Each structure stands twice: as C-alpha cells, then as structure tokens.
Amino acid sequence: MYLAGKGGKASPAGLSAHNYGLAFDFVCDASPRPGVQPDWRESAYRVLGEESTKAGLVWGGRFGDSPHVQWPGYVSALQLKPLRVLVQQSSLADVWAHLDAERLSPKWRAANPKLAAELERLGF
C-alpha cells in the first residue's frame, strides 16, 4: 500500500518504532462489503487519536499518519537510535528489558503519568 501512495508513511529500516514493537497501525473499514475497504481519511481515525492520547500514547495523526499509534519517547529517528544500537549489539529481548526498566523508573512515570496510570490499572 505504501508504494501505491496509500496508507501511512514509511521510515528507513531500523528507524521505525514498528521495528521494536512500540508502534502499530490500524485500518478502518469503509464498507460493510466482504473484505476490507480501507478508509485512510484522517476523520476516520479521530476517535483512535482521542483515545490513544487519553491513554498517554502518541497518535500518528500529529504527524500525518492517522492510523498509527505508538509508545511515547521513541517517535523520531534520533530517539530510536539507542534502541537500534542496542538491538544491533545484542538482541530485541535486551531492548524490551531496557524499556521495561525505563518504564518502572520514577523519571519515566513522571514524564508519562497517563500511560503509567493506565499500565498500573491493567496490572503492568
């Protein structure tokens, strides 16, 4: 879909939050017909934006990618660079261990109070 000029935007390899399991994309079905009829209009994702922002996540509609939602703090290529280095030097499991330790730190919780509260409510 990206090559056809439809859907979200692409990042260079290793510089997308998707590479680390920190982002995901939704698709709104524009029709009740069988099969998915993608609706890429920003308005179709307004509720997604409201709810993800309310939970403390980053909504891609802020930067022109309405179906996209991701973890805060790792939006730009510069912010993702330490994770890229970590996965190249060790493994994706070490990236997740790093993120888990970061999530439990008082500094992260203070910077992300909505998401910290939501994760606590869910038992994480």
N, C-alpha and C. Protein backbone atom coordinates (compact mmCIF):
# COMPACT_ATOMS: atom_id res chain seq x y z
N MET A 1 0.82 -1.19 0.00
CA MET A 1 0.00 0.00 0.00
C MET A 1 0.86 1.25 0.00
N TYR A 2 1.98 1.20 0.75
CA TYR A 2 2.84 2.38 0.80
C TYR A 2 3.32 2.75 -0.60
N LEU A 3 3.76 1.76 -1.37
CA LEU A 3 4.27 2.03 -2.72
C LEU A 3 3.19 2.58 -3.64
N ALA A 4 1.94 2.26 -3.35
CA ALA A 4 0.83 2.77 -4.14
C ALA A 4 0.42 4.17 -3.70
N GLY A 5 1.09 4.71 -2.68
CA GLY A 5 0.76 6.05 -2.20
C GLY A 5 -0.44 6.07 -1.27
N LYS A 6 -0.77 4.93 -0.69
CA LYS A 6 -1.91 4.84 0.21
C LYS A 6 -1.41 4.41 1.58
N GLY A 7 -2.18 4.70 2.60
CA GLY A 7 -1.81 4.28 3.94
C GLY A 7 -0.82 5.23 4.59
N GLY A 8 -0.07 4.70 5.55
CA GLY A 8 0.84 5.52 6.35
C GLY A 8 2.14 5.84 5.65
N LYS A 9 3.04 6.40 6.40
CA LYS A 9 4.34 6.79 5.89
C LYS A 9 5.37 5.73 6.29
N ALA A 10 6.44 5.65 5.54
CA ALA A 10 7.48 4.66 5.85
C ALA A 10 8.72 5.34 6.38
N SER A 11 9.40 4.66 7.29
CA SER A 11 10.68 5.12 7.83
C SER A 11 11.77 4.20 7.30
N PRO A 12 13.00 4.68 7.28
CA PRO A 12 14.11 3.81 6.88
C PRO A 12 14.23 2.62 7.84
N ALA A 13 14.79 1.54 7.35
CA ALA A 13 14.97 0.33 8.17
C ALA A 13 15.65 0.65 9.49
N GLY A 14 15.10 0.13 10.57
CA GLY A 14 15.67 0.33 11.90
C GLY A 14 15.29 1.64 12.55
N LEU A 15 14.61 2.52 11.82
CA LEU A 15 14.27 3.83 12.37
C LEU A 15 12.76 4.02 12.48
N SER A 16 12.07 2.92 12.69
CA SER A 16 10.63 2.96 12.91
C SER A 16 10.34 2.29 14.24
N ALA A 17 9.43 2.87 14.98
CA ALA A 17 9.03 2.26 16.26
C ALA A 17 8.42 0.88 16.03
N HIS A 18 7.94 0.60 14.82
CA HIS A 18 7.41 -0.73 14.50
C HIS A 18 8.49 -1.81 14.64
N ASN A 19 9.74 -1.46 14.32
CA ASN A 19 10.83 -2.43 14.39
C ASN A 19 11.03 -2.98 15.80
N TYR A 20 10.59 -2.25 16.78
CA TYR A 20 10.84 -2.61 18.18
C TYR A 20 9.55 -2.98 18.92
N GLY A 21 8.46 -3.10 18.19
CA GLY A 21 7.18 -3.45 18.80
C GLY A 21 6.56 -2.31 19.57
N LEU A 22 6.97 -1.08 19.27
CA LEU A 22 6.49 0.09 20.01
C LEU A 22 5.40 0.85 19.27
N ALA A 23 5.04 0.38 18.08
CA ALA A 23 4.03 1.07 17.29
C ALA A 23 3.17 0.05 16.55
N PHE A 24 1.97 0.46 16.25
CA PHE A 24 1.08 -0.37 15.46
C PHE A 24 0.16 0.53 14.64
N ASP A 25 -0.35 -0.02 13.56
CA ASP A 25 -1.25 0.71 12.67
C ASP A 25 -2.60 0.01 12.63
N PHE A 26 -3.63 0.82 12.58
CA PHE A 26 -5.00 0.34 12.47
C PHE A 26 -5.48 0.57 11.05
N VAL A 27 -6.58 -0.06 10.70
CA VAL A 27 -7.24 0.26 9.44
C VAL A 27 -8.74 0.31 9.72
N CYS A 28 -9.38 1.37 9.27
CA CYS A 28 -10.83 1.50 9.37
C CYS A 28 -11.43 0.93 8.09
N ASP A 29 -12.44 0.11 8.25
CA ASP A 29 -13.13 -0.46 7.10
C ASP A 29 -14.23 0.51 6.68
N ALA A 30 -14.18 0.95 5.45
CA ALA A 30 -15.12 1.97 4.95
C ALA A 30 -16.43 1.38 4.45
N SER A 31 -16.55 0.06 4.46
CA SER A 31 -17.73 -0.55 3.87
C SER A 31 -18.10 -1.84 4.58
N PRO A 32 -19.40 -2.15 4.64
CA PRO A 32 -19.80 -3.44 5.21
C PRO A 32 -19.64 -4.60 4.23
N ARG A 33 -19.20 -4.31 2.98
CA ARG A 33 -18.98 -5.37 1.99
C ARG A 33 -17.90 -6.34 2.49
N PRO A 34 -17.92 -7.56 2.02
CA PRO A 34 -16.87 -8.52 2.40
C PRO A 34 -15.48 -8.00 2.02
N GLY A 35 -14.52 -8.31 2.85
CA GLY A 35 -13.16 -7.83 2.62
C GLY A 35 -13.01 -6.42 3.18
N VAL A 36 -11.79 -6.04 3.41
CA VAL A 36 -11.52 -4.72 3.98
C VAL A 36 -11.47 -3.68 2.86
N GLN A 37 -12.23 -2.62 3.04
CA GLN A 37 -12.23 -1.48 2.13
C GLN A 37 -11.58 -0.34 2.92
N PRO A 38 -10.26 -0.18 2.86
CA PRO A 38 -9.57 0.78 3.72
C PRO A 38 -10.07 2.21 3.57
N ASP A 39 -10.22 2.85 4.69
CA ASP A 39 -10.60 4.27 4.74
C ASP A 39 -9.42 5.00 5.35
N TRP A 40 -8.70 5.76 4.54
CA TRP A 40 -7.49 6.44 5.01
C TRP A 40 -7.74 7.89 5.40
N ARG A 41 -8.99 8.34 5.38
CA ARG A 41 -9.27 9.73 5.77
C ARG A 41 -8.94 9.94 7.25
N GLU A 42 -8.34 11.06 7.57
CA GLU A 42 -7.98 11.35 8.96
C GLU A 42 -9.20 11.31 9.86
N SER A 43 -10.33 11.79 9.37
CA SER A 43 -11.54 11.82 10.20
C SER A 43 -11.97 10.43 10.65
N ALA A 44 -11.62 9.39 9.89
CA ALA A 44 -11.98 8.02 10.26
C ALA A 44 -11.22 7.56 11.50
N TYR A 45 -10.14 8.26 11.83
CA TYR A 45 -9.27 7.85 12.94
C TYR A 45 -9.32 8.83 14.12
N ARG A 46 -10.26 9.74 14.09
CA ARG A 46 -10.34 10.76 15.14
C ARG A 46 -10.53 10.14 16.53
N VAL A 47 -11.42 9.17 16.64
CA VAL A 47 -11.66 8.52 17.94
C VAL A 47 -10.40 7.78 18.40
N LEU A 48 -9.73 7.11 17.47
CA LEU A 48 -8.46 6.45 17.80
C LEU A 48 -7.48 7.46 18.37
N GLY A 49 -7.38 8.63 17.74
CA GLY A 49 -6.49 9.68 18.23
C GLY A 49 -6.86 10.16 19.61
N GLU A 50 -8.14 10.38 19.84
CA GLU A 50 -8.60 10.84 21.15
C GLU A 50 -8.31 9.82 22.24
N GLU A 51 -8.64 8.57 21.98
CA GLU A 51 -8.48 7.53 23.00
C GLU A 51 -7.02 7.18 23.25
N SER A 52 -6.22 7.11 22.20
CA SER A 52 -4.81 6.79 22.40
C SER A 52 -4.10 7.92 23.14
N THR A 53 -4.43 9.15 22.81
CA THR A 53 -3.84 10.30 23.50
C THR A 53 -4.28 10.31 24.97
N LYS A 54 -5.55 10.01 25.20
CA LYS A 54 -6.08 9.95 26.57
C LYS A 54 -5.33 8.92 27.41
N ALA A 55 -4.90 7.84 26.77
CA ALA A 55 -4.16 6.77 27.47
C ALA A 55 -2.68 7.09 27.61
N GLY A 56 -2.22 8.19 26.98
CA GLY A 56 -0.81 8.57 27.11
C GLY A 56 0.07 8.07 25.98
N LEU A 57 -0.54 7.52 24.94
CA LEU A 57 0.23 7.08 23.78
C LEU A 57 0.36 8.23 22.79
N VAL A 58 1.17 8.06 21.77
CA VAL A 58 1.37 9.07 20.74
C VAL A 58 0.55 8.68 19.52
N TRP A 59 -0.33 9.58 19.09
CA TRP A 59 -1.16 9.32 17.91
C TRP A 59 -0.45 9.88 16.68
N GLY A 60 -0.35 9.06 15.65
CA GLY A 60 0.31 9.46 14.41
C GLY A 60 -0.37 10.59 13.67
N GLY A 61 -1.62 10.87 13.99
CA GLY A 61 -2.30 12.00 13.35
C GLY A 61 -1.59 13.32 13.61
N ARG A 62 -0.78 13.37 14.67
CA ARG A 62 0.02 14.57 14.97
C ARG A 62 1.05 14.84 13.88
N PHE A 63 1.45 13.77 13.15
CA PHE A 63 2.46 13.95 12.12
C PHE A 63 2.04 13.33 10.79
N GLY A 64 0.72 13.36 10.52
CA GLY A 64 0.21 12.95 9.22
C GLY A 64 0.07 11.46 8.97
N ASP A 65 0.01 10.65 10.03
CA ASP A 65 -0.12 9.19 9.89
C ASP A 65 -1.23 8.73 10.82
N SER A 66 -2.47 9.09 10.49
CA SER A 66 -3.62 8.88 11.37
C SER A 66 -3.85 7.45 11.85
N PRO A 67 -3.58 6.40 11.06
CA PRO A 67 -3.81 5.04 11.56
C PRO A 67 -2.77 4.56 12.57
N HIS A 68 -1.76 5.35 12.85
CA HIS A 68 -0.59 4.95 13.63
C HIS A 68 -0.71 5.39 15.10
N VAL A 69 -0.33 4.47 16.01
CA VAL A 69 -0.27 4.76 17.45
C VAL A 69 1.04 4.16 17.97
N GLN A 70 1.71 4.88 18.89
CA GLN A 70 2.96 4.33 19.41
C GLN A 70 3.27 4.79 20.82
N TRP A 71 4.25 4.11 21.38
CA TRP A 71 4.78 4.36 22.72
C TRP A 71 5.45 5.74 22.73
N PRO A 72 5.31 6.50 23.80
CA PRO A 72 5.95 7.82 23.85
C PRO A 72 7.46 7.73 24.07
N GLY A 73 8.15 8.76 23.64
CA GLY A 73 9.59 8.86 23.89
C GLY A 73 10.46 8.29 22.79
N TYR A 74 9.85 7.59 21.84
CA TYR A 74 10.61 6.99 20.75
C TYR A 74 9.90 7.25 19.41
N VAL A 75 9.71 8.53 19.14
CA VAL A 75 8.98 8.93 17.94
C VAL A 75 9.93 9.26 16.79
N SER A 76 10.97 9.99 17.06
CA SER A 76 11.89 10.41 15.99
C SER A 76 13.02 9.40 15.80
N ALA A 77 13.68 9.50 14.65
CA ALA A 77 14.84 8.64 14.37
C ALA A 77 15.92 8.84 15.43
N LEU A 78 16.10 10.06 15.87
CA LEU A 78 17.10 10.36 16.90
C LEU A 78 16.76 9.64 18.21
N GLN A 79 15.49 9.64 18.59
CA GLN A 79 15.07 8.96 19.82
C GLN A 79 15.20 7.44 19.69
N LEU A 80 15.02 6.92 18.49
CA LEU A 80 15.09 5.47 18.27
C LEU A 80 16.52 4.95 18.14
N LYS A 81 17.47 5.83 17.90
CA LYS A 81 18.85 5.40 17.65
C LYS A 81 19.42 4.52 18.77
N PRO A 82 19.24 4.86 20.05
CA PRO A 82 19.78 3.98 21.10
C PRO A 82 19.19 2.56 21.05
N LEU A 83 17.93 2.45 20.68
CA LEU A 83 17.32 1.12 20.57
C LEU A 83 17.92 0.35 19.39
N ARG A 84 18.15 1.06 18.30
CA ARG A 84 18.76 0.43 17.13
C ARG A 84 20.16 -0.10 17.48
N VAL A 85 20.93 0.71 18.18
CA VAL A 85 22.27 0.29 18.59
C VAL A 85 22.19 -0.92 19.52
N LEU A 86 21.27 -0.88 20.46
CA LEU A 86 21.12 -1.98 21.42
C LEU A 86 20.75 -3.28 20.71
N VAL A 87 19.83 -3.23 19.76
CA VAL A 87 19.43 -4.46 19.07
C VAL A 87 20.57 -4.96 18.17
N GLN A 88 21.36 -4.06 17.61
CA GLN A 88 22.50 -4.48 16.79
C GLN A 88 23.59 -5.12 17.63
N GLN A 89 23.77 -4.63 18.85
CA GLN A 89 24.83 -5.14 19.73
C GLN A 89 24.40 -6.38 20.50
N SER A 90 23.10 -6.55 20.72
CA SER A 90 22.67 -7.71 21.49
C SER A 90 21.42 -8.33 20.86
N SER A 91 20.23 -7.95 21.36
CA SER A 91 19.01 -8.57 20.84
C SER A 91 17.79 -7.70 21.11
N LEU A 92 16.71 -8.05 20.45
CA LEU A 92 15.45 -7.35 20.70
C LEU A 92 14.99 -7.57 22.14
N ALA A 93 15.29 -8.74 22.70
CA ALA A 93 14.94 -9.02 24.10
C ALA A 93 15.61 -8.02 25.03
N ASP A 94 16.84 -7.62 24.72
CA ASP A 94 17.53 -6.63 25.54
C ASP A 94 16.90 -5.25 25.40
N VAL A 95 16.36 -4.96 24.21
CA VAL A 95 15.64 -3.70 24.02
C VAL A 95 14.42 -3.68 24.93
N TRP A 96 13.68 -4.80 24.96
CA TRP A 96 12.49 -4.87 25.80
C TRP A 96 12.85 -4.80 27.29
N ALA A 97 13.94 -5.41 27.68
CA ALA A 97 14.39 -5.33 29.08
C ALA A 97 14.73 -3.88 29.43
N HIS A 98 15.39 -3.19 28.52
CA HIS A 98 15.72 -1.78 28.71
C HIS A 98 14.45 -0.94 28.87
N LEU A 99 13.48 -1.17 27.99
CA LEU A 99 12.23 -0.41 28.04
C LEU A 99 11.44 -0.71 29.30
N ASP A 100 11.47 -1.96 29.74
CA ASP A 100 10.76 -2.32 30.96
C ASP A 100 11.37 -1.63 32.17
N ALA A 101 12.70 -1.62 32.24
CA ALA A 101 13.38 -0.93 33.34
C ALA A 101 13.09 0.57 33.28
N GLU A 102 13.11 1.13 32.08
CA GLU A 102 12.83 2.55 31.91
C GLU A 102 11.41 2.88 32.37
N ARG A 103 10.46 2.03 32.01
CA ARG A 103 9.04 2.24 32.36
C ARG A 103 8.82 2.24 33.88
N LEU A 104 9.64 1.50 34.59
CA LEU A 104 9.48 1.43 36.05
C LEU A 104 10.19 2.56 36.79
N SER A 105 10.97 3.36 36.08
CA SER A 105 11.72 4.43 36.73
C SER A 105 10.80 5.60 37.10
N PRO A 106 11.07 6.26 38.24
CA PRO A 106 10.27 7.43 38.63
C PRO A 106 10.31 8.55 37.58
N LYS A 107 11.44 8.69 36.91
CA LYS A 107 11.57 9.73 35.88
C LYS A 107 10.58 9.47 34.73
N TRP A 108 10.52 8.22 34.25
CA TRP A 108 9.61 7.88 33.16
C TRP A 108 8.16 8.06 33.61
N ARG A 109 7.86 7.60 34.82
CA ARG A 109 6.48 7.69 35.32
C ARG A 109 6.05 9.15 35.47
N ALA A 110 6.98 10.02 35.86
CA ALA A 110 6.66 11.44 35.99
C ALA A 110 6.45 12.08 34.62
N ALA A 111 7.20 11.62 33.63
CA ALA A 111 7.08 12.18 32.27
C ALA A 111 5.87 11.63 31.52
N ASN A 112 5.36 10.49 31.95
CA ASN A 112 4.25 9.82 31.25
C ASN A 112 3.16 9.40 32.24
N PRO A 113 2.59 10.35 32.98
CA PRO A 113 1.65 9.97 34.03
C PRO A 113 0.39 9.26 33.55
N LYS A 114 -0.15 9.65 32.40
CA LYS A 114 -1.36 8.99 31.90
C LYS A 114 -1.09 7.53 31.57
N LEU A 115 -0.02 7.29 30.83
CA LEU A 115 0.30 5.92 30.43
C LEU A 115 0.70 5.09 31.64
N ALA A 116 1.46 5.68 32.56
CA ALA A 116 1.85 4.95 33.78
C ALA A 116 0.61 4.52 34.56
N ALA A 117 -0.36 5.41 34.70
CA ALA A 117 -1.60 5.09 35.42
C ALA A 117 -2.39 4.01 34.69
N GLU A 118 -2.45 4.11 33.37
CA GLU A 118 -3.19 3.12 32.60
C GLU A 118 -2.53 1.74 32.68
N LEU A 119 -1.21 1.69 32.60
CA LEU A 119 -0.49 0.43 32.74
C LEU A 119 -0.68 -0.17 34.13
N GLU A 120 -0.66 0.67 35.14
CA GLU A 120 -0.88 0.20 36.51
C GLU A 120 -2.30 -0.37 36.65
N ARG A 121 -3.27 0.34 36.07
CA ARG A 121 -4.67 -0.11 36.12
C ARG A 121 -4.81 -1.48 35.46
N LEU A 122 -4.03 -1.74 34.41
CA LEU A 122 -4.08 -3.00 33.70
C LEU A 122 -3.21 -4.10 34.32
N GLY A 123 -2.49 -3.75 35.39
CA GLY A 123 -1.70 -4.74 36.10
C GLY A 123 -0.27 -4.87 35.63
N PHE A 124 0.25 -3.87 34.94
CA PHE A 124 1.65 -3.92 34.47
C PHE A 124 2.53 -3.07 35.36
